[in-house]
């Protein structure tokens, strides 16, 4: 019997549910997801001068700051469950980084850790960036904005790693085959 056949007949059971996260089992498999099927938007923002806009934020599960692309939840506020993903991406980009996009292009839906998490995110490419504020996120997020030359991204990330920072897996999208050890 295949894994798919085995688990297709098993009922999904909720083991614990919080405000944003739900832990579930299906047979012997354990996984987590977002409550209310909330999704996320992740924004690839590269300005006209070939600088990528990144954010730094302390992440409690890691116990350290992390370097990431701007991102946020879609429809997480009561009454906004049907929020358009591109609208959410634009809102999060401006809130976190202080940049406004003239246009958002969807690059598709992705899953960050499909063996453990049901959460998906839509990757957006922000075009025609304009600086309209300081960013930093909402109160309590403590976001630091970094404008990093694409040509210096490898060094920037190496410095952050050496300083003990976490680096989000989505940074691989920017590093590609240039990632140290792959070439």
N, C-alpha and C. Protein backbone atom coordinates (compact mmCIF):
# COMPACT_ATOMS: atom_id res chain seq x y z
N UNK A 1 0.85 -1.17 0.00
CA UNK A 1 0.00 0.00 0.00
C UNK A 1 0.90 1.24 0.00
N UNK A 2 0.60 2.19 -0.86
CA UNK A 2 1.38 3.42 -0.93
C UNK A 2 1.05 4.33 0.25
N UNK A 3 1.95 5.27 0.51
CA UNK A 3 1.73 6.25 1.57
C UNK A 3 0.43 7.01 1.33
N UNK A 4 0.20 7.38 0.07
CA UNK A 4 -1.02 8.11 -0.27
C UNK A 4 -2.26 7.28 0.04
N UNK A 5 -2.26 6.02 -0.33
CA UNK A 5 -3.40 5.15 -0.07
C UNK A 5 -3.61 4.95 1.43
N UNK A 6 -2.51 4.76 2.16
CA UNK A 6 -2.61 4.56 3.60
C UNK A 6 -3.25 5.74 4.30
N UNK A 7 -2.82 6.96 3.96
CA UNK A 7 -3.30 8.13 4.67
C UNK A 7 -4.60 8.69 4.12
N UNK A 8 -4.99 8.31 2.93
CA UNK A 8 -6.27 8.77 2.38
C UNK A 8 -7.44 8.23 3.20
N UNK A 9 -7.25 7.11 3.85
CA UNK A 9 -8.33 6.51 4.63
C UNK A 9 -8.31 6.91 6.10
N UNK A 10 -7.26 7.61 6.52
CA UNK A 10 -7.14 8.00 7.92
C UNK A 10 -7.80 9.36 8.15
N UNK A 11 -8.58 9.51 9.21
CA UNK A 11 -9.19 10.82 9.48
C UNK A 11 -8.14 11.79 10.06
N UNK A 12 -8.30 13.04 9.70
CA UNK A 12 -7.44 14.07 10.27
C UNK A 12 -7.98 14.42 11.65
N UNK A 13 -7.09 14.49 12.64
CA UNK A 13 -7.50 14.81 14.00
C UNK A 13 -6.73 16.03 14.50
N UNK A 14 -7.48 16.98 15.07
CA UNK A 14 -6.86 18.16 15.66
C UNK A 14 -6.41 17.79 17.07
N UNK A 15 -5.12 17.98 17.35
CA UNK A 15 -4.55 17.65 18.66
C UNK A 15 -4.46 18.87 19.56
N UNK A 16 -4.23 20.05 18.95
CA UNK A 16 -4.14 21.29 19.70
C UNK A 16 -4.38 22.44 18.73
N UNK A 17 -5.06 23.47 19.20
CA UNK A 17 -5.29 24.63 18.34
C UNK A 17 -5.11 25.91 19.14
N UNK A 18 -4.30 26.80 18.61
CA UNK A 18 -4.10 28.12 19.19
C UNK A 18 -4.74 29.17 18.31
N UNK A 19 -4.34 30.40 18.50
CA UNK A 19 -4.92 31.50 17.72
C UNK A 19 -4.52 31.43 16.25
N UNK A 20 -3.26 31.05 15.96
CA UNK A 20 -2.77 31.04 14.59
C UNK A 20 -2.30 29.67 14.09
N UNK A 21 -2.01 28.74 15.01
CA UNK A 21 -1.43 27.44 14.65
C UNK A 21 -2.34 26.32 15.13
N UNK A 22 -2.40 25.26 14.33
CA UNK A 22 -3.13 24.06 14.72
C UNK A 22 -2.22 22.84 14.48
N UNK A 23 -2.15 21.96 15.48
CA UNK A 23 -1.37 20.72 15.36
C UNK A 23 -2.34 19.58 15.08
N UNK A 24 -2.00 18.76 14.07
CA UNK A 24 -2.90 17.70 13.63
C UNK A 24 -2.15 16.38 13.48
N UNK A 25 -2.92 15.30 13.44
CA UNK A 25 -2.38 13.99 13.09
C UNK A 25 -3.30 13.36 12.07
N UNK A 26 -2.71 12.52 11.24
CA UNK A 26 -3.45 11.68 10.31
C UNK A 26 -2.70 10.36 10.33
N UNK A 27 -3.31 9.39 11.00
CA UNK A 27 -2.61 8.12 11.20
C UNK A 27 -1.39 8.37 12.07
N UNK A 28 -0.22 7.95 11.60
CA UNK A 28 1.01 8.14 12.37
C UNK A 28 1.74 9.44 12.03
N UNK A 29 1.18 10.24 11.13
CA UNK A 29 1.82 11.47 10.67
C UNK A 29 1.39 12.65 11.52
N UNK A 30 2.35 13.45 12.00
CA UNK A 30 2.08 14.68 12.75
C UNK A 30 2.47 15.88 11.90
N UNK A 31 1.65 16.93 11.92
CA UNK A 31 1.96 18.14 11.16
C UNK A 31 1.21 19.32 11.74
N UNK A 32 1.60 20.51 11.31
CA UNK A 32 0.96 21.73 11.78
C UNK A 32 0.50 22.56 10.58
N UNK A 33 -0.38 23.46 10.86
CA UNK A 33 -0.88 24.36 9.83
C UNK A 33 -1.36 25.64 10.47
N UNK A 34 -1.83 26.54 9.67
CA UNK A 34 -2.42 27.79 10.14
C UNK A 34 -3.90 27.56 10.39
N UNK A 35 -4.41 28.19 11.42
CA UNK A 35 -5.85 28.13 11.66
C UNK A 35 -6.57 28.87 10.55
N UNK A 36 -7.78 28.53 10.32
CA UNK A 36 -8.65 29.16 9.31
C UNK A 36 -8.02 29.14 7.92
N UNK A 37 -7.06 28.24 7.67
CA UNK A 37 -6.38 28.12 6.38
C UNK A 37 -5.76 29.43 5.90
N UNK A 38 -5.27 30.23 6.85
CA UNK A 38 -4.61 31.48 6.51
C UNK A 38 -3.35 31.16 5.71
N UNK A 39 -3.12 31.95 4.68
CA UNK A 39 -1.92 31.79 3.84
C UNK A 39 -0.98 32.97 4.07
N UNK A 40 0.13 32.93 3.41
CA UNK A 40 1.11 34.01 3.54
C UNK A 40 1.50 34.55 2.17
N UNK A 41 2.01 35.77 2.18
CA UNK A 41 2.57 36.38 0.98
C UNK A 41 4.03 36.70 1.28
N UNK A 42 4.91 36.35 0.36
CA UNK A 42 6.34 36.64 0.48
C UNK A 42 6.69 37.52 -0.72
N UNK A 43 7.50 38.55 -0.46
CA UNK A 43 7.74 39.54 -1.50
C UNK A 43 9.22 39.61 -1.88
N UNK A 44 9.50 39.39 -3.14
CA UNK A 44 10.83 39.58 -3.71
C UNK A 44 10.86 41.00 -4.23
N UNK A 45 11.63 41.85 -3.56
CA UNK A 45 11.67 43.27 -3.90
C UNK A 45 13.11 43.66 -4.26
N UNK A 46 13.32 43.93 -5.54
CA UNK A 46 14.61 44.36 -6.04
C UNK A 46 14.40 45.71 -6.71
N UNK A 47 15.13 46.72 -6.23
CA UNK A 47 14.91 48.06 -6.75
C UNK A 47 15.62 48.28 -8.09
N UNK A 48 15.46 49.47 -8.64
CA UNK A 48 16.01 49.80 -9.96
C UNK A 48 17.54 49.79 -9.98
N UNK A 49 18.16 49.88 -8.79
CA UNK A 49 19.62 49.88 -8.69
C UNK A 49 20.18 48.49 -8.34
N UNK A 50 19.36 47.45 -8.53
CA UNK A 50 19.75 46.06 -8.24
C UNK A 50 20.13 45.83 -6.78
N UNK A 51 19.36 46.43 -5.89
CA UNK A 51 19.47 46.16 -4.46
C UNK A 51 18.22 45.38 -4.06
N UNK A 52 18.40 44.34 -3.27
CA UNK A 52 17.27 43.58 -2.76
C UNK A 52 16.91 44.13 -1.38
N UNK A 53 15.61 44.24 -1.14
CA UNK A 53 15.12 44.76 0.12
C UNK A 53 14.81 43.55 1.01
N UNK A 54 15.52 43.46 2.12
CA UNK A 54 15.37 42.35 3.06
C UNK A 54 14.98 42.88 4.44
N UNK A 55 14.48 42.00 5.26
CA UNK A 55 14.14 42.38 6.63
C UNK A 55 14.88 41.47 7.61
N UNK A 56 15.13 42.04 8.76
CA UNK A 56 15.74 41.33 9.88
C UNK A 56 14.75 41.40 11.03
N UNK A 57 14.47 40.25 11.62
CA UNK A 57 13.50 40.22 12.71
C UNK A 57 13.86 39.10 13.66
N UNK A 58 13.76 39.37 14.97
CA UNK A 58 13.99 38.33 15.95
C UNK A 58 12.86 37.31 15.83
N UNK A 59 13.22 36.03 15.75
CA UNK A 59 12.23 34.96 15.62
C UNK A 59 12.30 34.07 16.86
N UNK A 60 11.24 34.07 17.63
CA UNK A 60 11.19 33.33 18.89
C UNK A 60 11.50 31.84 18.70
N UNK A 61 10.93 31.15 17.69
CA UNK A 61 11.24 29.71 17.56
C UNK A 61 12.73 29.44 17.34
N UNK A 62 13.45 30.37 16.73
CA UNK A 62 14.88 30.20 16.50
C UNK A 62 15.71 30.70 17.68
N UNK A 63 15.13 31.63 18.44
CA UNK A 63 15.87 32.23 19.53
C UNK A 63 16.94 33.20 19.06
N UNK A 64 16.79 33.72 17.85
CA UNK A 64 17.78 34.64 17.28
C UNK A 64 17.13 35.41 16.13
N UNK A 65 17.80 36.48 15.70
CA UNK A 65 17.27 37.21 14.55
C UNK A 65 17.45 36.41 13.26
N UNK A 66 16.60 36.72 12.30
CA UNK A 66 16.62 36.01 11.02
C UNK A 66 16.59 37.03 9.89
N UNK A 67 17.30 36.71 8.81
CA UNK A 67 17.28 37.53 7.59
C UNK A 67 16.29 36.89 6.64
N UNK A 68 15.34 37.69 6.15
CA UNK A 68 14.24 37.17 5.36
C UNK A 68 13.82 38.16 4.28
N UNK A 69 13.02 37.67 3.35
CA UNK A 69 12.32 38.56 2.43
C UNK A 69 11.10 39.09 3.19
N UNK A 70 10.63 40.28 2.86
CA UNK A 70 9.41 40.77 3.51
C UNK A 70 8.28 39.77 3.28
N UNK A 71 7.43 39.62 4.29
CA UNK A 71 6.33 38.65 4.18
C UNK A 71 5.27 38.97 5.23
N UNK A 72 4.10 38.38 5.03
CA UNK A 72 3.04 38.55 6.01
C UNK A 72 1.86 37.66 5.69
N UNK A 73 0.95 37.63 6.63
CA UNK A 73 -0.23 36.78 6.49
C UNK A 73 -1.31 37.46 5.66
N UNK A 74 -2.07 36.64 4.98
CA UNK A 74 -3.19 37.10 4.15
C UNK A 74 -4.48 36.77 4.88
N UNK A 75 -5.31 37.79 5.10
CA UNK A 75 -6.62 37.56 5.71
C UNK A 75 -6.58 37.14 7.15
N UNK A 76 -5.57 37.58 7.90
CA UNK A 76 -5.45 37.17 9.29
C UNK A 76 -6.25 38.05 10.25
N UNK A 77 -6.68 39.21 9.78
CA UNK A 77 -7.46 40.12 10.62
C UNK A 77 -8.94 39.79 10.46
N UNK A 78 -9.64 39.75 11.59
CA UNK A 78 -11.08 39.47 11.59
C UNK A 78 -11.79 40.35 10.57
N UNK A 79 -12.56 39.72 9.68
CA UNK A 79 -13.30 40.44 8.66
C UNK A 79 -12.55 40.57 7.34
N UNK A 80 -11.28 40.14 7.30
CA UNK A 80 -10.51 40.25 6.06
C UNK A 80 -10.15 38.88 5.49
N UNK A 81 -10.94 37.88 5.82
CA UNK A 81 -10.64 36.50 5.40
C UNK A 81 -10.54 36.34 3.89
N UNK A 82 -11.21 37.19 3.12
CA UNK A 82 -11.19 37.10 1.66
C UNK A 82 -10.21 38.10 1.05
N UNK A 83 -9.24 38.57 1.82
CA UNK A 83 -8.28 39.56 1.33
C UNK A 83 -7.55 39.02 0.10
N UNK A 84 -7.39 39.87 -0.89
CA UNK A 84 -6.65 39.53 -2.09
C UNK A 84 -5.17 39.39 -1.74
N UNK A 85 -4.53 38.35 -2.21
CA UNK A 85 -3.13 38.08 -1.86
C UNK A 85 -2.20 39.20 -2.32
N UNK A 86 -2.42 39.76 -3.50
CA UNK A 86 -1.56 40.84 -4.00
C UNK A 86 -1.72 42.10 -3.16
N UNK A 87 -2.94 42.37 -2.70
CA UNK A 87 -3.18 43.52 -1.83
C UNK A 87 -2.45 43.31 -0.50
N UNK A 88 -2.53 42.10 0.05
CA UNK A 88 -1.82 41.80 1.29
C UNK A 88 -0.32 41.95 1.11
N UNK A 89 0.20 41.49 -0.02
CA UNK A 89 1.64 41.59 -0.29
C UNK A 89 2.07 43.06 -0.34
N UNK A 90 1.29 43.89 -1.00
CA UNK A 90 1.60 45.32 -1.07
C UNK A 90 1.57 45.97 0.31
N UNK A 91 0.56 45.62 1.09
CA UNK A 91 0.43 46.16 2.44
C UNK A 91 1.62 45.75 3.31
N UNK A 92 1.99 44.47 3.26
CA UNK A 92 3.10 43.97 4.06
C UNK A 92 4.43 44.58 3.63
N UNK A 93 4.65 44.72 2.34
CA UNK A 93 5.89 45.32 1.85
C UNK A 93 6.06 46.73 2.41
N UNK A 94 5.01 47.53 2.30
CA UNK A 94 5.09 48.90 2.78
C UNK A 94 5.23 48.97 4.30
N UNK A 95 4.45 48.15 4.99
CA UNK A 95 4.48 48.12 6.45
C UNK A 95 5.87 47.73 6.98
N UNK A 96 6.44 46.68 6.39
CA UNK A 96 7.71 46.15 6.89
C UNK A 96 8.93 46.93 6.41
N UNK A 97 8.90 47.42 5.16
CA UNK A 97 10.11 47.99 4.57
C UNK A 97 10.04 49.48 4.27
N UNK A 98 8.83 50.04 4.20
CA UNK A 98 8.69 51.43 3.80
C UNK A 98 8.72 51.65 2.29
N UNK A 99 8.69 50.54 1.53
CA UNK A 99 8.66 50.63 0.06
C UNK A 99 7.26 50.28 -0.43
N UNK A 100 6.83 51.02 -1.46
CA UNK A 100 5.55 50.74 -2.13
C UNK A 100 5.86 50.24 -3.53
N UNK A 101 5.15 49.21 -3.93
CA UNK A 101 5.32 48.66 -5.28
C UNK A 101 4.28 49.25 -6.21
N UNK A 102 4.71 49.60 -7.42
CA UNK A 102 3.78 50.06 -8.43
C UNK A 102 2.95 48.90 -8.98
N UNK A 103 3.55 47.70 -8.90
CA UNK A 103 2.85 46.51 -9.41
C UNK A 103 3.39 45.28 -8.69
N UNK A 104 2.50 44.34 -8.42
CA UNK A 104 2.86 43.06 -7.82
C UNK A 104 2.60 41.95 -8.84
N UNK A 105 3.59 41.12 -9.05
CA UNK A 105 3.48 39.98 -9.98
C UNK A 105 3.54 38.69 -9.18
N UNK A 106 2.52 37.85 -9.32
CA UNK A 106 2.52 36.56 -8.62
C UNK A 106 3.46 35.60 -9.34
N UNK A 107 4.34 34.97 -8.55
CA UNK A 107 5.26 33.97 -9.08
C UNK A 107 4.79 32.55 -8.74
N UNK A 108 3.64 32.45 -8.07
CA UNK A 108 3.07 31.14 -7.78
C UNK A 108 3.00 30.81 -6.30
N UNK A 109 2.36 29.69 -6.03
CA UNK A 109 2.18 29.20 -4.66
C UNK A 109 3.26 28.17 -4.35
N UNK A 110 3.81 28.25 -3.13
CA UNK A 110 4.88 27.36 -2.71
C UNK A 110 4.61 26.86 -1.29
N UNK A 111 5.28 25.78 -0.93
CA UNK A 111 5.18 25.20 0.41
C UNK A 111 6.59 25.15 1.00
N UNK A 112 6.74 25.70 2.21
CA UNK A 112 8.08 25.84 2.77
C UNK A 112 8.63 24.56 3.38
N UNK A 113 7.79 23.73 3.96
CA UNK A 113 8.25 22.49 4.58
C UNK A 113 7.11 21.47 4.49
N UNK A 114 6.84 20.93 3.30
CA UNK A 114 5.64 20.14 3.06
C UNK A 114 5.55 18.83 3.85
N UNK A 115 6.62 18.38 4.46
CA UNK A 115 6.54 17.18 5.29
C UNK A 115 6.08 17.46 6.70
N UNK A 116 6.02 18.74 7.07
CA UNK A 116 5.68 19.09 8.44
C UNK A 116 4.61 20.17 8.56
N UNK A 117 4.47 21.03 7.54
CA UNK A 117 3.59 22.19 7.64
C UNK A 117 2.68 22.25 6.41
N UNK A 118 1.39 22.48 6.63
CA UNK A 118 0.47 22.61 5.50
C UNK A 118 0.47 24.02 4.91
N UNK A 119 1.07 24.97 5.61
CA UNK A 119 1.05 26.36 5.16
C UNK A 119 1.66 26.54 3.78
N UNK A 120 0.97 27.33 2.97
CA UNK A 120 1.52 27.72 1.68
C UNK A 120 1.76 29.22 1.68
N UNK A 121 2.58 29.66 0.76
CA UNK A 121 2.76 31.09 0.58
C UNK A 121 2.77 31.38 -0.91
N UNK A 122 2.31 32.56 -1.26
CA UNK A 122 2.38 33.03 -2.63
C UNK A 122 3.57 33.97 -2.72
N UNK A 123 4.46 33.70 -3.65
CA UNK A 123 5.62 34.55 -3.86
C UNK A 123 5.25 35.64 -4.86
N UNK A 124 5.52 36.87 -4.48
CA UNK A 124 5.26 38.01 -5.36
C UNK A 124 6.57 38.71 -5.69
N UNK A 125 6.66 39.21 -6.91
CA UNK A 125 7.78 40.06 -7.33
C UNK A 125 7.24 41.47 -7.36
N UNK A 126 7.84 42.34 -6.54
CA UNK A 126 7.43 43.74 -6.48
C UNK A 126 8.16 44.52 -7.57
N UNK A 127 7.41 45.28 -8.35
CA UNK A 127 7.99 46.09 -9.43
C UNK A 127 7.79 47.58 -9.13
N UNK A 128 8.64 48.41 -9.70
CA UNK A 128 8.51 49.86 -9.62
C UNK A 128 8.45 50.35 -8.17
N UNK A 129 9.48 50.00 -7.42
CA UNK A 129 9.53 50.34 -5.99
C UNK A 129 9.76 51.83 -5.78
N UNK A 130 9.05 52.37 -4.78
CA UNK A 130 9.21 53.76 -4.37
C UNK A 130 9.31 53.77 -2.85
N UNK A 131 10.32 54.43 -2.31
CA UNK A 131 10.47 54.55 -0.86
C UNK A 131 9.48 55.58 -0.35
N UNK A 132 8.57 55.18 0.56
CA UNK A 132 7.54 56.08 1.08
C UNK A 132 7.58 56.21 2.60
N UNK A 133 8.45 55.46 3.26
CA UNK A 133 8.52 55.53 4.72
C UNK A 133 9.72 54.75 5.23
N UNK A 134 9.78 54.61 6.55
CA UNK A 134 10.91 53.93 7.17
C UNK A 134 10.72 52.42 7.29
N UNK A 135 9.48 51.95 7.26
CA UNK A 135 9.23 50.53 7.49
C UNK A 135 9.40 50.20 8.95
N UNK A 136 9.72 48.96 9.24
CA UNK A 136 9.89 48.53 10.63
C UNK A 136 8.75 47.69 11.14
N UNK A 137 7.69 47.57 10.35
CA UNK A 137 6.55 46.74 10.75
C UNK A 137 5.63 47.44 11.72
N UNK A 138 4.72 46.67 12.27
CA UNK A 138 3.78 47.20 13.25
C UNK A 138 4.42 47.14 14.63
N UNK A 139 3.78 47.76 15.60
CA UNK A 139 4.32 47.82 16.96
C UNK A 139 4.65 46.42 17.48
N UNK A 140 5.85 46.28 17.99
CA UNK A 140 6.27 45.01 18.57
C UNK A 140 6.98 44.08 17.61
N UNK A 141 6.97 44.37 16.30
CA UNK A 141 7.64 43.47 15.35
C UNK A 141 9.15 43.67 15.33
N UNK A 142 9.60 44.90 15.58
CA UNK A 142 11.03 45.16 15.66
C UNK A 142 11.79 44.81 14.40
N UNK A 143 11.27 45.18 13.25
CA UNK A 143 11.88 44.85 11.97
C UNK A 143 12.94 45.89 11.59
N UNK A 144 14.10 45.40 11.16
CA UNK A 144 15.15 46.24 10.60
C UNK A 144 15.20 45.98 9.11
N UNK A 145 15.23 47.04 8.33
CA UNK A 145 15.24 46.94 6.87
C UNK A 145 16.67 46.97 6.36
N UNK A 146 16.98 46.09 5.44
CA UNK A 146 18.30 46.07 4.80
C UNK A 146 18.11 46.21 3.29
N UNK A 147 18.86 47.13 2.70
CA UNK A 147 18.90 47.31 1.24
C UNK A 147 20.29 46.83 0.81
N UNK A 148 20.33 45.64 0.19
CA UNK A 148 21.59 44.95 -0.06
C UNK A 148 21.83 44.84 -1.57
N UNK A 149 23.01 45.24 -2.03
CA UNK A 149 23.31 45.05 -3.45
C UNK A 149 23.28 43.55 -3.78
N UNK A 150 22.61 43.19 -4.85
CA UNK A 150 22.57 41.77 -5.24
C UNK A 150 23.97 41.20 -5.38
N UNK A 151 24.88 41.98 -5.92
CA UNK A 151 26.25 41.52 -6.11
C UNK A 151 26.96 41.25 -4.79
N UNK A 152 26.48 41.82 -3.69
CA UNK A 152 27.10 41.62 -2.38
C UNK A 152 26.29 40.75 -1.45
N UNK A 153 25.25 40.11 -1.96
CA UNK A 153 24.35 39.31 -1.11
C UNK A 153 25.08 38.16 -0.42
N UNK A 154 25.94 37.46 -1.15
CA UNK A 154 26.67 36.33 -0.55
C UNK A 154 27.44 36.79 0.69
N UNK A 155 28.16 37.89 0.56
CA UNK A 155 28.96 38.41 1.67
C UNK A 155 28.07 38.87 2.82
N UNK A 156 26.98 39.55 2.49
CA UNK A 156 26.05 40.02 3.52
C UNK A 156 25.52 38.85 4.34
N UNK A 157 25.07 37.80 3.65
CA UNK A 157 24.52 36.63 4.37
C UNK A 157 25.61 35.90 5.15
N UNK A 158 26.81 35.82 4.61
CA UNK A 158 27.91 35.17 5.33
C UNK A 158 28.22 35.94 6.63
N UNK A 159 28.21 37.26 6.55
CA UNK A 159 28.44 38.08 7.75
C UNK A 159 27.35 37.87 8.79
N UNK A 160 26.11 37.81 8.34
CA UNK A 160 25.00 37.61 9.27
C UNK A 160 25.07 36.21 9.90
N UNK A 161 25.38 35.20 9.11
CA UNK A 161 25.54 33.84 9.65
C UNK A 161 26.64 33.81 10.71
N UNK A 162 27.77 34.43 10.39
CA UNK A 162 28.90 34.46 11.32
C UNK A 162 28.53 35.17 12.62
N UNK A 163 27.59 36.10 12.54
CA UNK A 163 27.13 36.82 13.73
C UNK A 163 26.03 36.05 14.47
N UNK A 164 25.67 34.84 13.96
CA UNK A 164 24.69 34.01 14.65
C UNK A 164 23.26 34.16 14.19
N UNK A 165 23.04 34.85 13.10
CA UNK A 165 21.68 35.03 12.59
C UNK A 165 21.19 33.77 11.87
N UNK A 166 19.88 33.61 11.84
CA UNK A 166 19.26 32.61 10.99
C UNK A 166 19.07 33.21 9.61
N UNK A 167 19.00 32.35 8.60
CA UNK A 167 18.77 32.81 7.23
C UNK A 167 17.61 31.99 6.67
N UNK A 168 16.56 32.68 6.27
CA UNK A 168 15.37 32.02 5.73
C UNK A 168 15.71 31.25 4.45
N UNK A 169 15.12 30.09 4.29
CA UNK A 169 15.37 29.22 3.14
C UNK A 169 15.05 29.91 1.81
N UNK A 170 14.14 30.86 1.82
CA UNK A 170 13.78 31.54 0.58
C UNK A 170 14.92 32.38 0.01
N UNK A 171 15.96 32.61 0.81
CA UNK A 171 17.12 33.33 0.31
C UNK A 171 17.82 32.53 -0.79
N UNK A 172 17.59 31.21 -0.80
CA UNK A 172 18.17 30.38 -1.86
C UNK A 172 17.69 30.81 -3.24
N UNK A 173 16.50 31.38 -3.30
CA UNK A 173 15.97 31.87 -4.57
C UNK A 173 16.88 32.95 -5.15
N UNK A 174 17.45 33.75 -4.28
CA UNK A 174 18.34 34.81 -4.73
C UNK A 174 19.76 34.32 -4.96
N UNK A 175 20.18 33.33 -4.18
CA UNK A 175 21.54 32.81 -4.30
C UNK A 175 21.69 31.84 -5.46
N UNK A 176 20.67 31.00 -5.65
CA UNK A 176 20.68 30.04 -6.74
C UNK A 176 21.97 29.24 -6.80
N UNK A 177 22.51 29.06 -7.98
CA UNK A 177 23.71 28.26 -8.17
C UNK A 177 24.96 28.95 -7.62
N UNK A 178 24.83 30.22 -7.22
CA UNK A 178 25.98 30.94 -6.65
C UNK A 178 26.25 30.53 -5.21
N UNK A 179 25.34 29.78 -4.61
CA UNK A 179 25.50 29.46 -3.19
C UNK A 179 26.84 28.78 -2.94
N UNK A 180 27.57 29.28 -1.96
CA UNK A 180 28.87 28.67 -1.64
C UNK A 180 28.73 27.15 -1.43
N UNK A 181 29.59 26.41 -2.04
CA UNK A 181 29.55 24.95 -1.91
C UNK A 181 28.83 24.27 -3.06
N UNK A 182 28.06 25.02 -3.84
CA UNK A 182 27.32 24.42 -4.96
C UNK A 182 28.05 24.60 -6.28
N UNK A 183 29.00 25.48 -6.32
CA UNK A 183 29.68 25.73 -7.59
C UNK A 183 31.08 25.13 -7.59
